[in-house]
Amino acid sequence: MNRFTVSTRFRRALPGIAKLSTYASSMLLLGIASLIIIPEMISVEGGRAWGSIAVGQAWGGVGAIIIAYGWHVSGPALVAQGDASSRRRDSWTHSS
């Protein structure tokens, strides 16, 4: 491999690396914030408020699972409707 091939591959991978690192940093920030905020909220509001939030998050998770299962029903039909270049673009855009 010459230098040109390696730098071209790196340039092609850079947008994906940027998206991945942005997503990873947001998840890390969310995790740290949760570890700090949740114990403080429990001490201020009490266990009942935390229970309400936990139930709401559980129902939100169930809703997310139901919505995610819908992609398998409608996604392939949407991708099949376009030409080859629009299929790749739309598939990537709707999945990320």
C-alpha atoms as a PDB file:
ATOM      1  CA  MET A   1       0.000   0.000   0.000  1.00  0.00           C
ATOM      2  CA  ASN A   2       1.222   3.454  -0.734  1.00  0.00           C
ATOM      3  CA  ARG A   3       0.580   6.594   1.280  1.00  0.00           C
ATOM      4  CA  PHE A   4      -2.156   7.815  -1.018  1.00  0.00           C
ATOM      5  CA  THR A   5      -4.304   4.709  -0.454  1.00  0.00           C
ATOM      6  CA  VAL A   6      -3.977   4.881   3.318  1.00  0.00           C
ATOM      7  CA  SER A   7      -4.825   8.584   3.502  1.00  0.00           C
ATOM      8  CA  THR A   8      -7.789   8.121   1.147  1.00  0.00           C
ATOM      9  CA  ARG A   9      -9.149   5.309   3.308  1.00  0.00           C
ATOM     10  CA  PHE A  10      -8.649   7.397   6.405  1.00  0.00           C
ATOM     11  CA  ARG A  11     -10.481  10.353   4.850  1.00  0.00           C
ATOM     12  CA  ARG A  12     -13.374   8.074   3.930  1.00  0.00           C
ATOM     13  CA  ALA A  13     -13.513   6.680   7.466  1.00  0.00           C
ATOM     14  CA  LEU A  14     -13.260  10.072   9.183  1.00  0.00           C
ATOM     15  CA  PRO A  15     -16.994  10.955   9.094  1.00  0.00           C
ATOM     16  CA  GLY A  16     -17.868   7.588  10.608  1.00  0.00           C
ATOM     17  CA  ILE A  17     -15.214   7.957  13.280  1.00  0.00           C
ATOM     18  CA  ALA A  18     -16.512  11.441  14.086  1.00  0.00           C
ATOM     19  CA  LYS A  19     -20.092  10.160  14.440  1.00  0.00           C
ATOM     20  CA  LEU A  20     -18.987   7.282  16.628  1.00  0.00           C
ATOM     21  CA  SER A  21     -16.873   9.455  18.911  1.00  0.00           C
ATOM     22  CA  THR A  22     -19.654  12.046  19.233  1.00  0.00           C
ATOM     23  CA  TYR A  23     -22.145   9.338  20.158  1.00  0.00           C
ATOM     24  CA  ALA A  24     -19.726   7.702  22.606  1.00  0.00           C
ATOM     25  CA  SER A  25     -18.938  11.002  24.312  1.00  0.00           C
ATOM     26  CA  SER A  26     -22.637  11.838  24.690  1.00  0.00           C
ATOM     27  CA  MET A  27     -23.297   8.433  26.252  1.00  0.00           C
ATOM     28  CA  LEU A  28     -20.351   8.881  28.603  1.00  0.00           C
ATOM     29  CA  LEU A  29     -21.597  12.323  29.646  1.00  0.00           C
ATOM     30  CA  LEU A  30     -25.097  10.938  30.198  1.00  0.00           C
ATOM     31  CA  GLY A  31     -23.730   8.100  32.343  1.00  0.00           C
ATOM     32  CA  ILE A  32     -21.681  10.436  34.507  1.00  0.00           C
ATOM     33  CA  ALA A  33     -24.595  12.846  34.913  1.00  0.00           C
ATOM     34  CA  SER A  34     -26.885   9.989  35.953  1.00  0.00           C
ATOM     35  CA  LEU A  35     -24.434   8.806  38.597  1.00  0.00           C
ATOM     36  CA  ILE A  36     -24.314  12.308  40.055  1.00  0.00           C
ATOM     37  CA  ILE A  37     -27.934  13.451  39.671  1.00  0.00           C
ATOM     38  CA  ILE A  38     -29.920  10.333  40.628  1.00  0.00           C
ATOM     39  CA  PRO A  39     -28.587   9.952  44.199  1.00  0.00           C
ATOM     40  CA  GLU A  40     -29.049  13.693  44.771  1.00  0.00           C
ATOM     41  CA  MET A  41     -32.605  13.559  43.473  1.00  0.00           C
ATOM     42  CA  ILE A  42     -33.440  10.603  45.703  1.00  0.00           C
ATOM     43  CA  SER A  43     -32.133  12.425  48.768  1.00  0.00           C
ATOM     44  CA  VAL A  44     -34.165  15.554  47.941  1.00  0.00           C
ATOM     45  CA  GLU A  45     -37.411  14.093  46.574  1.00  0.00           C
ATOM     46  CA  GLY A  46     -37.471  10.669  48.183  1.00  0.00           C
ATOM     47  CA  GLY A  47     -37.898   7.145  46.958  1.00  0.00           C
ATOM     48  CA  ARG A  48     -41.434   7.680  45.665  1.00  0.00           C
ATOM     49  CA  ALA A  49     -40.276  10.188  43.027  1.00  0.00           C
ATOM     50  CA  TRP A  50     -37.477   7.842  41.966  1.00  0.00           C
ATOM     51  CA  GLY A  51     -39.993   5.002  41.658  1.00  0.00           C
ATOM     52  CA  SER A  52     -42.184   7.131  39.385  1.00  0.00           C
ATOM     53  CA  ILE A  53     -39.238   7.993  37.158  1.00  0.00           C
ATOM     54  CA  ALA A  54     -38.120   4.364  37.006  1.00  0.00           C
ATOM     55  CA  VAL A  55     -41.595   3.237  35.932  1.00  0.00           C
ATOM     56  CA  GLY A  56     -41.671   5.960  33.265  1.00  0.00           C
ATOM     57  CA  GLN A  57     -38.291   4.865  31.935  1.00  0.00           C
ATOM     58  CA  ALA A  58     -39.426   1.251  31.830  1.00  0.00           C
ATOM     59  CA  TRP A  59     -42.501   2.160  29.807  1.00  0.00           C
ATOM     60  CA  GLY A  60     -40.322   4.291  27.514  1.00  0.00           C
ATOM     61  CA  GLY A  61     -38.067   1.268  26.938  1.00  0.00           C
ATOM     62  CA  VAL A  62     -41.055  -0.900  26.063  1.00  0.00           C
ATOM     63  CA  GLY A  63     -42.252   1.764  23.613  1.00  0.00           C
ATOM     64  CA  ALA A  64     -38.800   1.969  22.009  1.00  0.00           C
ATOM     65  CA  ILE A  65     -38.751  -1.791  21.497  1.00  0.00           C
ATOM     66  CA  ILE A  66     -42.180  -1.733  19.855  1.00  0.00           C
ATOM     67  CA  ILE A  67     -41.119   1.101  17.534  1.00  0.00           C
ATOM     68  CA  ALA A  68     -37.856  -0.658  16.662  1.00  0.00           C
ATOM     69  CA  TYR A  69     -39.744  -3.767  15.580  1.00  0.00           C
ATOM     70  CA  GLY A  70     -41.635  -1.627  13.054  1.00  0.00           C
ATOM     71  CA  TRP A  71     -38.436  -1.007  11.074  1.00  0.00           C
ATOM     72  CA  HIS A  72     -38.302  -4.658  10.069  1.00  0.00           C
ATOM     73  CA  VAL A  73     -41.780  -4.353   8.599  1.00  0.00           C
ATOM     74  CA  SER A  74     -41.506  -1.049   6.735  1.00  0.00           C
ATOM     75  CA  GLY A  75     -37.734  -0.586   6.278  1.00  0.00           C
ATOM     76  CA  PRO A  76     -37.048  -3.104   3.491  1.00  0.00           C
ATOM     77  CA  ALA A  77     -39.999  -1.843   1.445  1.00  0.00           C
ATOM     78  CA  LEU A  78     -38.770   1.746   1.741  1.00  0.00           C
ATOM     79  CA  VAL A  79     -35.260   0.791   0.657  1.00  0.00           C
ATOM     80  CA  ALA A  80     -36.518  -1.290  -2.281  1.00  0.00           C
ATOM     81  CA  GLN A  81     -38.465   1.654  -3.726  1.00  0.00           C
ATOM     82  CA  GLY A  82     -35.384   3.719  -4.642  1.00  0.00           C
ATOM     83  CA  ASP A  83     -32.573   3.304  -7.153  1.00  0.00           C
ATOM     84  CA  ALA A  84     -29.193   1.916  -6.042  1.00  0.00           C
ATOM     85  CA  SER A  85     -27.578   5.191  -4.938  1.00  0.00           C
ATOM     86  CA  SER A  86     -30.668   6.458  -3.136  1.00  0.00           C
ATOM     87  CA  ARG A  87     -31.066   3.076  -1.411  1.00  0.00           C
ATOM     88  CA  ARG A  88     -27.589   3.277   0.080  1.00  0.00           C
ATOM     89  CA  ARG A  89     -28.036   6.916   1.101  1.00  0.00           C
ATOM     90  CA  ASP A  90     -31.535   6.443   2.540  1.00  0.00           C
ATOM     91  CA  SER A  91     -30.604   3.237   4.304  1.00  0.00           C
ATOM     92  CA  TRP A  92     -27.651   4.947   5.981  1.00  0.00           C
ATOM     93  CA  THR A  93     -29.623   8.118   6.782  1.00  0.00           C
ATOM     94  CA  HIS A  94     -32.581   6.320   8.358  1.00  0.00           C
ATOM     95  CA  SER A  95     -30.458   3.827  10.282  1.00  0.00           C
ATOM     96  CA  SER A  96     -28.039   6.262  11.908  1.00  0.00           C
END
